[in-house]
Amino acid sequence: MAIKTRITELLGIEHPIVQGGMQWVGYAEMAAPVSNAGGLGLLTALTQPTPEDLAKEIQRTKDMTDKPFGVNLTILPAIKPPPYAEYRQAIIEGGIKIVETAGYKPQEHVDEFKKHGIKVIHKCTAVRHALSAERMGVDAISIDGFECAGHPGEDDIPGLILIPAAADKVKIPMLASGGIGDGRGLAAALALGADGINMGTRFCVTKEAPIHENFKKQMVENDERDTKLIFRTLHNTARVMKNKVSEEVVAIESKGGAKFEDVQHLVAGVRGRKAMEEGDADDGIWSAGMIQGLIHDIPSVQELIDRIVSDAEEIIKKRMSNFVVS
C-alpha cells in the first residue's frame, strides 16, 4: 500500500512527507537523504552566506540525489536585508522546481518563481494568511500549528484546530506542520484534511542531520514541556528549546518593556550557530518544537520515513477500520 495524495502528485514524490526549511540545518546532507527516502528535502537558501554559495549547494545536492528536492526562501523585514532577488535568481538558474516560501510579503518572489514554472509552497500560521497565499497564486500551503518550532505566529492556535479550519477554506493542497513526527501524526493530519506533513524538529534528530550529536541527544531526552516561547513581548513569538539562554530571555521579557537590544546578545545567530557546532546545548538559541516529547531515538532518515509511512498505513487500514461497526 502507498499513501497517495494531492501533495505526492503535485510534487512528484513517493510519500507525503516534506522536510521543512531550517536555518543551519538545510544543507545537502539533510535534503538529499529525505528526497532519496521518498520525501521532499529542502535546502535553506539563507543558510548559505551568498547566492553563489547557494548555487554550489544546489549542485552538490544534485550530485547526491536524482529525486525531487526544493529550496526554502524565507523573507523577513530587516534594516539590511539579504539580496533576496539574487538568491531567487540562483534558485531559478539552478533548475529548482519546488520552492517553500515563508515570511513577509512574498508576492514578488512568488510571481517570479511561477513565471519559470516553479511550484511554490507557502508556509502560514493562520487561515487568513493561507487564503491570502492561495489568492497570490501559490500551489500549496503549509499550515503551522502552535506546537511548531520557530515562529508559530501570534494567534496561538494548535494544529488540532488550525489544520481542519484551514482545510475547510483552502482549496489547494495543504501540508500540516507542528507537533508531527510519527505515523500517528501523519494519519491524524490526513484525517484532519491535510494532504501531507511538513516536519522540522523530527528530521533534526536523525543520523544525517548536520548538527552536533549533543543537540540530538538533548532533544531525545527532552519532553513536550521543554520549549520556551521567546519574543512574546516583541510580537514576534518564537518557540525554541528550553535551556539557560532561552530561560534568560524569557526572564528579561517578563520584567516588561524589553526591547530587542536587551536580548540581542543572547539570541544572536552567530552565538546559536557556534553552540550548535561545538555541542553546547545550553549556550545558544535553538528552534525546537513540542514534538520533542515524541522523539525517542536517532534513526536514519530512511528508517524514519519508512517507519512513519508504515505506521500510518497500519493505523489507516487496521486500527481505524476496527472502530467502524456495520
C-alpha atoms as a PDB file:
ATOM      1  CA  MET A   1       0.000   0.000   0.000  1.00  0.00           C
ATOM      2  CA  ALA A   2       1.146   3.540  -0.674  1.00  0.00           C
ATOM      3  CA  ILE A   3      -0.262   6.800   0.624  1.00  0.00           C
ATOM      4  CA  LYS A   4      -1.037   8.943  -2.406  1.00  0.00           C
ATOM      5  CA  THR A   5      -2.385  12.461  -2.012  1.00  0.00           C
ATOM      6  CA  ARG A   6      -2.580  15.725  -3.908  1.00  0.00           C
ATOM      7  CA  ILE A   7       0.831  16.585  -2.447  1.00  0.00           C
ATOM      8  CA  THR A   8       2.552  13.466  -3.774  1.00  0.00           C
ATOM      9  CA  GLU A   9       1.015  14.145  -7.188  1.00  0.00           C
ATOM     10  CA  LEU A  10       1.893  17.848  -7.179  1.00  0.00           C
ATOM     11  CA  LEU A  11       5.499  17.388  -6.079  1.00  0.00           C
ATOM     12  CA  GLY A  12       6.225  14.085  -7.792  1.00  0.00           C
ATOM     13  CA  ILE A  13       7.293  12.370  -4.567  1.00  0.00           C
ATOM     14  CA  GLU A  14       6.616   8.897  -3.199  1.00  0.00           C
ATOM     15  CA  HIS A  15       5.471   9.821   0.307  1.00  0.00           C
ATOM     16  CA  PRO A  16       3.527  12.898   1.522  1.00  0.00           C
ATOM     17  CA  ILE A  17       6.379  13.981   3.791  1.00  0.00           C
ATOM     18  CA  VAL A  18       8.312  17.239   3.447  1.00  0.00           C
ATOM     19  CA  GLN A  19      11.405  18.320   5.365  1.00  0.00           C
ATOM     20  CA  GLY A  20      10.831  21.974   6.164  1.00  0.00           C
ATOM     21  CA  GLY A  21      13.415  24.688   5.686  1.00  0.00           C
ATOM     22  CA  MET A  22      15.639  25.089   8.757  1.00  0.00           C
ATOM     23  CA  GLN A  23      18.421  27.575   9.392  1.00  0.00           C
ATOM     24  CA  TRP A  24      21.845  25.904   9.790  1.00  0.00           C
ATOM     25  CA  VAL A  25      20.272  22.511   9.050  1.00  0.00           C
ATOM     26  CA  GLY A  26      19.022  22.749   5.474  1.00  0.00           C
ATOM     27  CA  TYR A  27      22.185  21.606   3.739  1.00  0.00           C
ATOM     28  CA  ALA A  28      22.618  18.924   1.075  1.00  0.00           C
ATOM     29  CA  GLU A  29      23.436  16.411   3.852  1.00  0.00           C
ATOM     30  CA  MET A  30      19.859  16.839   5.138  1.00  0.00           C
ATOM     31  CA  ALA A  31      17.854  17.434   1.972  1.00  0.00           C
ATOM     32  CA  ALA A  32      19.290  14.676  -0.218  1.00  0.00           C
ATOM     33  CA  PRO A  33      18.599  11.754   2.177  1.00  0.00           C
ATOM     34  CA  VAL A  34      14.998  12.929   2.631  1.00  0.00           C
ATOM     35  CA  SER A  35      14.466  13.013  -1.121  1.00  0.00           C
ATOM     36  CA  ASN A  36      16.224   9.669  -1.581  1.00  0.00           C
ATOM     37  CA  ALA A  37      13.864   8.166   1.007  1.00  0.00           C
ATOM     38  CA  GLY A  38      10.821   9.280  -0.972  1.00  0.00           C
ATOM     39  CA  GLY A  39      10.021  12.568   0.744  1.00  0.00           C
ATOM     40  CA  LEU A  40      10.858  16.110  -0.311  1.00  0.00           C
ATOM     41  CA  GLY A  41      14.106  17.520   1.034  1.00  0.00           C
ATOM     42  CA  LEU A  42      14.622  21.275   1.196  1.00  0.00           C
ATOM     43  CA  LEU A  43      17.775  23.350   1.219  1.00  0.00           C
ATOM     44  CA  THR A  44      17.582  26.594   3.193  1.00  0.00           C
ATOM     45  CA  ALA A  45      18.661  29.486   0.987  1.00  0.00           C
ATOM     46  CA  LEU A  46      19.722  31.891   3.730  1.00  0.00           C
ATOM     47  CA  THR A  47      21.849  29.270   5.462  1.00  0.00           C
ATOM     48  CA  GLN A  48      24.229  29.883   2.574  1.00  0.00           C
ATOM     49  CA  PRO A  49      26.315  33.073   3.022  1.00  0.00           C
ATOM     50  CA  THR A  50      25.824  34.242  -0.566  1.00  0.00           C
ATOM     51  CA  PRO A  51      23.675  33.438  -3.607  1.00  0.00           C
ATOM     52  CA  GLU A  52      26.803  31.976  -5.200  1.00  0.00           C
ATOM     53  CA  ASP A  53      27.157  29.575  -2.282  1.00  0.00           C
ATOM     54  CA  LEU A  54      23.514  28.587  -2.690  1.00  0.00           C
ATOM     55  CA  ALA A  55      24.150  27.769  -6.356  1.00  0.00           C
ATOM     56  CA  LYS A  56      27.009  25.493  -5.305  1.00  0.00           C
ATOM     57  CA  GLU A  57      24.837  23.809  -2.655  1.00  0.00           C
ATOM     58  CA  ILE A  58      22.115  23.170  -5.218  1.00  0.00           C
ATOM     59  CA  GLN A  59      24.648  21.461  -7.466  1.00  0.00           C
ATOM     60  CA  ARG A  60      26.037  19.492  -4.518  1.00  0.00           C
ATOM     61  CA  THR A  61      22.541  18.238  -3.736  1.00  0.00           C
ATOM     62  CA  LYS A  62      22.021  17.224  -7.364  1.00  0.00           C
ATOM     63  CA  ASP A  63      25.180  15.152  -7.062  1.00  0.00           C
ATOM     64  CA  MET A  64      23.638  13.343  -4.075  1.00  0.00           C
ATOM     65  CA  THR A  65      20.118  12.654  -5.365  1.00  0.00           C
ATOM     66  CA  ASP A  66      18.228  12.314  -8.618  1.00  0.00           C
ATOM     67  CA  LYS A  67      14.891  12.740  -6.822  1.00  0.00           C
ATOM     68  CA  PRO A  68      12.899  15.990  -6.484  1.00  0.00           C
ATOM     69  CA  PHE A  69      14.179  18.466  -3.898  1.00  0.00           C
ATOM     70  CA  GLY A  70      13.492  22.124  -3.264  1.00  0.00           C
ATOM     71  CA  VAL A  71      14.729  25.294  -1.615  1.00  0.00           C
ATOM     72  CA  ASN A  72      13.263  27.327   1.248  1.00  0.00           C
ATOM     73  CA  LEU A  73      13.371  31.103   0.857  1.00  0.00           C
ATOM     74  CA  THR A  74      12.289  32.982   3.976  1.00  0.00           C
ATOM     75  CA  ILE A  75      11.624  36.694   3.557  1.00  0.00           C
ATOM     76  CA  LEU A  76      11.924  38.757   6.716  1.00  0.00           C
ATOM     77  CA  PRO A  77      11.940  42.538   7.229  1.00  0.00           C
ATOM     78  CA  ALA A  78      15.415  43.805   8.107  1.00  0.00           C
ATOM     79  CA  ILE A  79      17.402  47.025   8.237  1.00  0.00           C
ATOM     80  CA  LYS A  80      19.901  45.445   5.848  1.00  0.00           C
ATOM     81  CA  PRO A  81      18.008  42.642   4.108  1.00  0.00           C
ATOM     82  CA  PRO A  82      19.844  39.871   2.259  1.00  0.00           C
ATOM     83  CA  PRO A  83      19.927  40.137  -1.551  1.00  0.00           C
ATOM     84  CA  TYR A  84      16.684  38.215  -1.954  1.00  0.00           C
ATOM     85  CA  ALA A  85      16.452  38.806  -5.705  1.00  0.00           C
ATOM     86  CA  GLU A  86      19.900  37.280  -6.172  1.00  0.00           C
ATOM     87  CA  TYR A  87      19.051  34.256  -4.031  1.00  0.00           C
ATOM     88  CA  ARG A  88      15.865  33.899  -6.053  1.00  0.00           C
ATOM     89  CA  GLN A  89      17.845  34.016  -9.283  1.00  0.00           C
ATOM     90  CA  ALA A  90      20.227  31.336  -8.000  1.00  0.00           C
ATOM     91  CA  ILE A  91      17.210  29.126  -7.343  1.00  0.00           C
ATOM     92  CA  ILE A  92      15.813  29.720 -10.822  1.00  0.00           C
ATOM     93  CA  GLU A  93      19.139  29.254 -12.596  1.00  0.00           C
ATOM     94  CA  GLY A  94      19.801  26.137 -10.527  1.00  0.00           C
ATOM     95  CA  GLY A  95      16.826  24.451 -12.153  1.00  0.00           C
ATOM     96  CA  ILE A  96      14.913  24.071  -8.896  1.00  0.00           C
ATOM     97  CA  LYS A  97      11.287  23.070  -9.495  1.00  0.00           C
ATOM     98  CA  ILE A  98       9.885  23.418  -5.962  1.00  0.00           C
ATOM     99  CA  VAL A  99      10.260  26.323  -3.531  1.00  0.00           C
ATOM    100  CA  GLU A 100       8.984  26.790   0.007  1.00  0.00           C
ATOM    101  CA  THR A 101       8.437  30.460   0.785  1.00  0.00           C
ATOM    102  CA  ALA A 102       7.844  31.893   4.227  1.00  0.00           C
ATOM    103  CA  GLY A 103       7.641  35.279   5.842  1.00  0.00           C
ATOM    104  CA  TYR A 104       6.885  38.794   4.775  1.00  0.00           C
ATOM    105  CA  LYS A 105       5.167  39.868   1.514  1.00  0.00           C
ATOM    106  CA  PRO A 106       6.346  37.093  -0.825  1.00  0.00           C
ATOM    107  CA  GLN A 107       4.252  38.178  -3.851  1.00  0.00           C
ATOM    108  CA  GLU A 108       7.208  39.442  -5.905  1.00  0.00           C
ATOM    109  CA  HIS A 109       9.082  36.186  -5.391  1.00  0.00           C
ATOM    110  CA  VAL A 110       6.033  34.009  -5.986  1.00  0.00           C
ATOM    111  CA  ASP A 111       5.365  35.782  -9.290  1.00  0.00           C
ATOM    112  CA  GLU A 112       8.938  35.271 -10.487  1.00  0.00           C
ATOM    113  CA  PHE A 113       9.017  31.628  -9.467  1.00  0.00           C
ATOM    114  CA  LYS A 114       5.700  30.965 -11.195  1.00  0.00           C
ATOM    115  CA  LYS A 115       6.964  32.609 -14.401  1.00  0.00           C
ATOM    116  CA  HIS A 116       9.656  29.944 -14.503  1.00  0.00           C
ATOM    117  CA  GLY A 117       7.320  27.023 -13.867  1.00  0.00           C
ATOM    118  CA  ILE A 118       8.387  26.550 -10.255  1.00  0.00           C
ATOM    119  CA  LYS A 119       5.840  25.123  -7.819  1.00  0.00           C
ATOM    120  CA  VAL A 120       5.519  27.243  -4.673  1.00  0.00           C
ATOM    121  CA  ILE A 121       4.546  26.062  -1.194  1.00  0.00           C
ATOM    122  CA  HIS A 122       3.922  28.955   1.205  1.00  0.00           C
ATOM    123  CA  LYS A 123       4.270  28.466   4.949  1.00  0.00           C
ATOM    124  CA  CYS A 124       1.459  30.041   7.014  1.00  0.00           C
ATOM    125  CA  THR A 125       0.474  30.274  10.671  1.00  0.00           C
ATOM    126  CA  ALA A 126      -3.148  31.373  10.232  1.00  0.00           C
ATOM    127  CA  VAL A 127      -6.087  30.556   7.978  1.00  0.00           C
ATOM    128  CA  ARG A 128      -6.300  34.171   6.789  1.00  0.00           C
ATOM    129  CA  HIS A 129      -2.668  34.001   5.691  1.00  0.00           C
ATOM    130  CA  ALA A 130      -3.317  30.715   3.894  1.00  0.00           C
ATOM    131  CA  LEU A 131      -6.222  32.240   1.985  1.00  0.00           C
ATOM    132  CA  SER A 132      -4.073  35.232   1.081  1.00  0.00           C
ATOM    133  CA  ALA A 133      -1.346  32.908  -0.213  1.00  0.00           C
ATOM    134  CA  GLU A 134      -3.919  30.987  -2.240  1.00  0.00           C
ATOM    135  CA  ARG A 135      -5.082  34.235  -3.862  1.00  0.00           C
ATOM    136  CA  MET A 136      -1.437  35.059  -4.508  1.00  0.00           C
ATOM    137  CA  GLY A 137      -1.213  32.011  -6.738  1.00  0.00           C
ATOM    138  CA  VAL A 138       0.875  29.554  -4.720  1.00  0.00           C
ATOM    139  CA  ASP A 139       0.450  25.861  -5.491  1.00  0.00           C
ATOM    140  CA  ALA A 140       0.193  24.604  -1.911  1.00  0.00           C
ATOM    141  CA  ILE A 141       0.366  25.844   1.637  1.00  0.00           C
ATOM    142  CA  SER A 142       1.987  24.526   4.790  1.00  0.00           C
ATOM    143  CA  ILE A 143      -0.054  25.410   7.872  1.00  0.00           C
ATOM    144  CA  ASP A 144       1.911  25.629  11.141  1.00  0.00           C
ATOM    145  CA  GLY A 145       0.149  24.814  14.378  1.00  0.00           C
ATOM    146  CA  PHE A 146       1.162  26.489  17.643  1.00  0.00           C
ATOM    147  CA  GLU A 147       3.174  23.391  18.619  1.00  0.00           C
ATOM    148  CA  CYS A 148       5.734  24.048  15.906  1.00  0.00           C
ATOM    149  CA  ALA A 149       9.347  25.105  16.265  1.00  0.00           C
ATOM    150  CA  GLY A 150      10.347  28.551  15.108  1.00  0.00           C
ATOM    151  CA  HIS A 151       7.706  31.220  14.584  1.00  0.00           C
ATOM    152  CA  PRO A 152       4.134  29.999  15.265  1.00  0.00           C
ATOM    153  CA  GLY A 153       2.532  33.406  14.785  1.00  0.00           C
ATOM    154  CA  GLU A 154       0.615  35.321  17.431  1.00  0.00           C
ATOM    155  CA  ASP A 155      -2.768  33.554  17.407  1.00  0.00           C
ATOM    156  CA  ASP A 156      -1.708  30.521  19.484  1.00  0.00           C
ATOM    157  CA  ILE A 157      -3.981  28.110  17.594  1.00  0.00           C
ATOM    158  CA  PRO A 158      -2.918  24.447  17.932  1.00  0.00           C
ATOM    159  CA  GLY A 159      -2.880  22.126  14.964  1.00  0.00           C
ATOM    160  CA  LEU A 160      -5.929  20.125  16.045  1.00  0.00           C
ATOM    161  CA  ILE A 161      -7.994  23.247  15.324  1.00  0.00           C
ATOM    162  CA  LEU A 162      -5.869  25.057  12.756  1.00  0.00           C
ATOM    163  CA  ILE A 163      -5.446  22.180  10.284  1.00  0.00           C
ATOM    164  CA  PRO A 164      -9.158  21.409   9.778  1.00  0.00           C
ATOM    165  CA  ALA A 165     -10.022  25.118   9.919  1.00  0.00           C
ATOM    166  CA  ALA A 166      -7.657  25.691   7.006  1.00  0.00           C
ATOM    167  CA  ALA A 167      -8.833  22.559   5.194  1.00  0.00           C
ATOM    168  CA  ASP A 168     -12.407  23.841   5.333  1.00  0.00           C
ATOM    169  CA  LYS A 169     -11.492  27.018   3.449  1.00  0.00           C
ATOM    170  CA  VAL A 170      -8.385  26.423   1.361  1.00  0.00           C
ATOM    171  CA  LYS A 171      -8.862  24.658  -1.966  1.00  0.00           C
ATOM    172  CA  ILE A 172      -5.216  23.997  -2.908  1.00  0.00           C
ATOM    173  CA  PRO A 173      -3.143  21.124  -1.448  1.00  0.00           C
ATOM    174  CA  MET A 174      -2.079  21.608   2.158  1.00  0.00           C
ATOM    175  CA  LEU A 175       0.694  20.314   4.384  1.00  0.00           C
ATOM    176  CA  ALA A 176       0.243  20.120   8.149  1.00  0.00           C
ATOM    177  CA  SER A 177       3.135  21.195  10.338  1.00  0.00           C
ATOM    178  CA  GLY A 178       3.837  21.442  14.048  1.00  0.00           C
ATOM    179  CA  GLY A 179       3.739  18.602  16.563  1.00  0.00           C
ATOM    180  CA  ILE A 180       4.098  15.899  13.909  1.00  0.00           C
ATOM    181  CA  GLY A 181       6.870  13.320  13.971  1.00  0.00           C
ATOM    182  CA  ASP A 182       5.496   9.814  13.569  1.00  0.00           C
ATOM    183  CA  GLY A 183       2.908   7.705  11.776  1.00  0.00           C
ATOM    184  CA  ARG A 184       0.186   8.765  14.179  1.00  0.00           C
ATOM    185  CA  GLY A 185       0.837  12.370  13.228  1.00  0.00           C
ATOM    186  CA  LEU A 186       0.674  11.616   9.517  1.00  0.00           C
ATOM    187  CA  ALA A 187      -2.569   9.650   9.864  1.00  0.00           C
ATOM    188  CA  ALA A 188      -4.063  12.384  12.049  1.00  0.00           C
ATOM    189  CA  ALA A 189      -3.041  15.125   9.617  1.00  0.00           C
ATOM    190  CA  LEU A 190      -4.709  13.280   6.746  1.00  0.00           C
ATOM    191  CA  ALA A 191      -7.833  12.741   8.861  1.00  0.00           C
ATOM    192  CA  LEU A 192      -7.947  16.464   9.643  1.00  0.00           C
ATOM    193  CA  GLY A 193      -7.930  17.359   5.964  1.00  0.00           C
ATOM    194  CA  ALA A 194      -4.252  17.844   5.130  1.00  0.00           C
ATOM    195  CA  ASP A 195      -2.580  16.251   2.115  1.00  0.00           C
ATOM    196  CA  GLY A 196       0.728  15.565   3.843  1.00  0.00           C
ATOM    197  CA  ILE A 197       3.072  16.685   6.586  1.00  0.00           C
ATOM    198  CA  ASN A 198       5.981  19.082   6.938  1.00  0.00           C
ATOM    199  CA  MET A 199       8.492  18.171   9.671  1.00  0.00           C
ATOM    200  CA  GLY A 200      11.461  20.075  11.020  1.00  0.00           C
ATOM    201  CA  THR A 201      12.428  19.119  14.564  1.00  0.00           C
ATOM    202  CA  ARG A 202      11.978  15.390  13.905  1.00  0.00           C
ATOM    203  CA  PHE A 203      14.370  15.484  10.965  1.00  0.00           C
ATOM    204  CA  CYS A 204      16.936  17.254  13.169  1.00  0.00           C
ATOM    205  CA  VAL A 205      17.071  14.110  15.277  1.00  0.00           C
ATOM    206  CA  THR A 206      18.315  11.763  12.560  1.00  0.00           C
ATOM    207  CA  LYS A 207      21.741  10.338  11.849  1.00  0.00           C
ATOM    208  CA  GLU A 208      22.213  12.512   8.775  1.00  0.00           C
ATOM    209  CA  ALA A 209      21.152  15.838  10.307  1.00  0.00           C
ATOM    210  CA  PRO A 210      24.202  18.148  10.172  1.00  0.00           C
ATOM    211  CA  ILE A 211      24.064  19.235  13.805  1.00  0.00           C
ATOM    212  CA  HIS A 212      26.105  18.207  16.836  1.00  0.00           C
ATOM    213  CA  GLU A 213      25.180  14.896  18.461  1.00  0.00           C
ATOM    214  CA  ASN A 214      24.733  16.654  21.806  1.00  0.00           C
ATOM    215  CA  PHE A 215      21.753  18.555  20.415  1.00  0.00           C
ATOM    216  CA  LYS A 216      20.226  15.375  19.047  1.00  0.00           C
ATOM    217  CA  LYS A 217      20.661  13.575  22.371  1.00  0.00           C
ATOM    218  CA  GLN A 218      19.232  16.550  24.256  1.00  0.00           C
ATOM    219  CA  MET A 219      16.092  16.529  22.114  1.00  0.00           C
ATOM    220  CA  VAL A 220      15.662  12.794  22.741  1.00  0.00           C
ATOM    221  CA  GLU A 221      15.948  13.425  26.495  1.00  0.00           C
ATOM    222  CA  ASN A 222      13.547  16.378  26.400  1.00  0.00           C
ATOM    223  CA  ASP A 223       9.794  16.046  26.652  1.00  0.00           C
ATOM    224  CA  GLU A 224       6.905  18.131  25.343  1.00  0.00           C
ATOM    225  CA  ARG A 225       7.400  20.721  28.097  1.00  0.00           C
ATOM    226  CA  ASP A 226      10.975  21.512  27.146  1.00  0.00           C
ATOM    227  CA  THR A 227      10.399  24.503  24.908  1.00  0.00           C
ATOM    228  CA  LYS A 228      10.219  28.210  25.625  1.00  0.00           C
ATOM    229  CA  LEU A 229       8.349  30.980  23.839  1.00  0.00           C
ATOM    230  CA  ILE A 230      10.602  33.979  23.344  1.00  0.00           C
ATOM    231  CA  PHE A 231       9.955  37.391  21.757  1.00  0.00           C
ATOM    232  CA  ARG A 232       6.353  37.275  23.009  1.00  0.00           C
ATOM    233  CA  THR A 233       6.507  40.882  24.163  1.00  0.00           C
ATOM    234  CA  LEU A 234       8.048  41.887  20.831  1.00  0.00           C
ATOM    235  CA  HIS A 235       5.123  40.318  18.929  1.00  0.00           C
ATOM    236  CA  ASN A 236       7.491  38.028  17.050  1.00  0.00           C
ATOM    237  CA  THR A 237       6.987  34.822  19.032  1.00  0.00           C
ATOM    238  CA  ALA A 238       9.480  32.014  18.531  1.00  0.00           C
ATOM    239  CA  ARG A 239       9.387  28.526  20.041  1.00  0.00           C
ATOM    240  CA  VAL A 240      12.851  27.308  20.985  1.00  0.00           C
ATOM    241  CA  MET A 241      14.474  24.600  23.064  1.00  0.00           C
ATOM    242  CA  LYS A 242      14.354  25.185  26.807  1.00  0.00           C
ATOM    243  CA  ASN A 243      17.864  25.920  28.087  1.00  0.00           C
ATOM    244  CA  LYS A 244      19.724  28.511  30.149  1.00  0.00           C
ATOM    245  CA  VAL A 245      19.782  31.075  27.362  1.00  0.00           C
ATOM    246  CA  SER A 246      16.099  30.836  26.427  1.00  0.00           C
ATOM    247  CA  GLU A 247      15.124  30.990  30.103  1.00  0.00           C
ATOM    248  CA  GLU A 248      17.227  34.131  30.495  1.00  0.00           C
ATOM    249  CA  VAL A 249      15.483  35.718  27.515  1.00  0.00           C
ATOM    250  CA  VAL A 250      12.069  34.918  28.992  1.00  0.00           C
ATOM    251  CA  ALA A 251      13.170  36.361  32.351  1.00  0.00           C
ATOM    252  CA  ILE A 252      14.253  39.632  30.727  1.00  0.00           C
ATOM    253  CA  GLU A 253      10.989  39.898  28.798  1.00  0.00           C
ATOM    254  CA  SER A 254       8.918  39.150  31.898  1.00  0.00           C
ATOM    255  CA  LYS A 255      10.182  42.339  33.547  1.00  0.00           C
ATOM    256  CA  GLY A 256       8.246  44.366  30.980  1.00  0.00           C
ATOM    257  CA  GLY A 257       9.325  46.990  28.490  1.00  0.00           C
ATOM    258  CA  ALA A 258      12.058  44.849  26.968  1.00  0.00           C
ATOM    259  CA  LYS A 259      13.470  45.845  23.607  1.00  0.00           C
ATOM    260  CA  PHE A 260      15.232  43.578  21.141  1.00  0.00           C
ATOM    261  CA  GLU A 261      18.526  45.208  22.083  1.00  0.00           C
ATOM    262  CA  ASP A 262      18.078  43.882  25.632  1.00  0.00           C
ATOM    263  CA  VAL A 263      18.236  40.276  24.444  1.00  0.00           C
ATOM    264  CA  GLN A 264      20.209  40.621  21.222  1.00  0.00           C
ATOM    265  CA  HIS A 265      23.434  39.329  22.763  1.00  0.00           C
ATOM    266  CA  LEU A 266      21.622  36.166  23.856  1.00  0.00           C
ATOM    267  CA  VAL A 267      19.752  35.380  20.648  1.00  0.00           C
ATOM    268  CA  ALA A 268      22.388  36.317  18.069  1.00  0.00           C
ATOM    269  CA  GLY A 269      22.518  33.795  15.254  1.00  0.00           C
ATOM    270  CA  VAL A 270      26.309  33.642  15.436  1.00  0.00           C
ATOM    271  CA  ARG A 271      26.107  32.546  19.063  1.00  0.00           C
ATOM    272  CA  GLY A 272      23.498  29.890  18.295  1.00  0.00           C
ATOM    273  CA  ARG A 273      25.488  28.522  15.386  1.00  0.00           C
ATOM    274  CA  LYS A 274      28.666  28.365  17.475  1.00  0.00           C
ATOM    275  CA  ALA A 275      26.803  26.469  20.214  1.00  0.00           C
ATOM    276  CA  MET A 276      25.424  24.041  17.650  1.00  0.00           C
ATOM    277  CA  GLU A 277      28.819  23.389  16.097  1.00  0.00           C
ATOM    278  CA  GLU A 278      30.552  22.942  19.461  1.00  0.00           C
ATOM    279  CA  GLY A 279      27.742  20.910  21.012  1.00  0.00           C
ATOM    280  CA  ASP A 280      26.875  23.202  23.926  1.00  0.00           C
ATOM    281  CA  ALA A 281      23.097  22.833  24.043  1.00  0.00           C
ATOM    282  CA  ASP A 282      22.880  25.395  26.861  1.00  0.00           C
ATOM    283  CA  ASP A 283      24.737  28.249  25.179  1.00  0.00           C
ATOM    284  CA  GLY A 284      22.501  29.414  22.356  1.00  0.00           C
ATOM    285  CA  ILE A 285      19.001  29.656  20.983  1.00  0.00           C
ATOM    286  CA  TRP A 286      17.862  26.591  19.048  1.00  0.00           C
ATOM    287  CA  SER A 287      14.447  26.220  17.403  1.00  0.00           C
ATOM    288  CA  ALA A 288      12.671  23.080  18.593  1.00  0.00           C
ATOM    289  CA  GLY A 289       9.038  22.056  18.725  1.00  0.00           C
ATOM    290  CA  MET A 290       6.894  20.331  21.306  1.00  0.00           C
ATOM    291  CA  ILE A 291       7.283  17.150  19.239  1.00  0.00           C
ATOM    292  CA  GLN A 292      10.449  16.576  21.288  1.00  0.00           C
ATOM    293  CA  GLY A 293       8.180  14.695  23.682  1.00  0.00           C
ATOM    294  CA  LEU A 294       7.536  12.066  20.998  1.00  0.00           C
ATOM    295  CA  ILE A 295      11.141  11.656  19.865  1.00  0.00           C
ATOM    296  CA  HIS A 296      12.812   8.630  21.429  1.00  0.00           C
ATOM    297  CA  ASP A 297      15.609   7.656  19.046  1.00  0.00           C
ATOM    298  CA  ILE A 298      18.041   8.849  16.377  1.00  0.00           C
ATOM    299  CA  PRO A 299      17.251   6.817  13.252  1.00  0.00           C
ATOM    300  CA  SER A 300      18.498   7.289   9.721  1.00  0.00           C
ATOM    301  CA  VAL A 301      16.249   9.399   7.504  1.00  0.00           C
ATOM    302  CA  GLN A 302      15.320   6.295   5.514  1.00  0.00           C
ATOM    303  CA  GLU A 303      14.382   4.405   8.685  1.00  0.00           C
ATOM    304  CA  LEU A 304      12.331   7.344   9.945  1.00  0.00           C
ATOM    305  CA  ILE A 305      10.338   7.857   6.755  1.00  0.00           C
ATOM    306  CA  ASP A 306       9.754   4.121   6.269  1.00  0.00           C
ATOM    307  CA  ARG A 307       8.504   3.849   9.840  1.00  0.00           C
ATOM    308  CA  ILE A 308       6.214   6.862   9.596  1.00  0.00           C
ATOM    309  CA  VAL A 309       4.606   5.605   6.400  1.00  0.00           C
ATOM    310  CA  SER A 310       4.300   2.020   7.649  1.00  0.00           C
ATOM    311  CA  ASP A 311       2.765   3.090  10.963  1.00  0.00           C
ATOM    312  CA  ALA A 312       0.349   5.472   9.242  1.00  0.00           C
ATOM    313  CA  GLU A 313      -0.756   2.737   6.846  1.00  0.00           C
ATOM    314  CA  GLU A 314      -1.308   0.368   9.778  1.00  0.00           C
ATOM    315  CA  ILE A 315      -3.462   2.953  11.560  1.00  0.00           C
ATOM    316  CA  ILE A 316      -5.498   3.798   8.464  1.00  0.00           C
ATOM    317  CA  LYS A 317      -6.052   0.222   7.245  1.00  0.00           C
ATOM    318  CA  LYS A 318      -6.440  -1.645  10.510  1.00  0.00           C
ATOM    319  CA  ARG A 319      -6.775   0.301  13.726  1.00  0.00           C
ATOM    320  CA  MET A 320      -9.241   2.924  12.492  1.00  0.00           C
ATOM    321  CA  SER A 321     -11.291   0.458  10.448  1.00  0.00           C
ATOM    322  CA  ASN A 322     -11.881  -1.596  13.601  1.00  0.00           C
ATOM    323  CA  PHE A 323     -13.887   1.261  15.106  1.00  0.00           C
ATOM    324  CA  VAL A 324     -16.498   1.114  12.348  1.00  0.00           C
ATOM    325  CA  VAL A 325     -19.287  -1.332  13.157  1.00  0.00           C
ATOM    326  CA  SER A 326     -21.658  -2.495  10.425  1.00  0.00           C
END
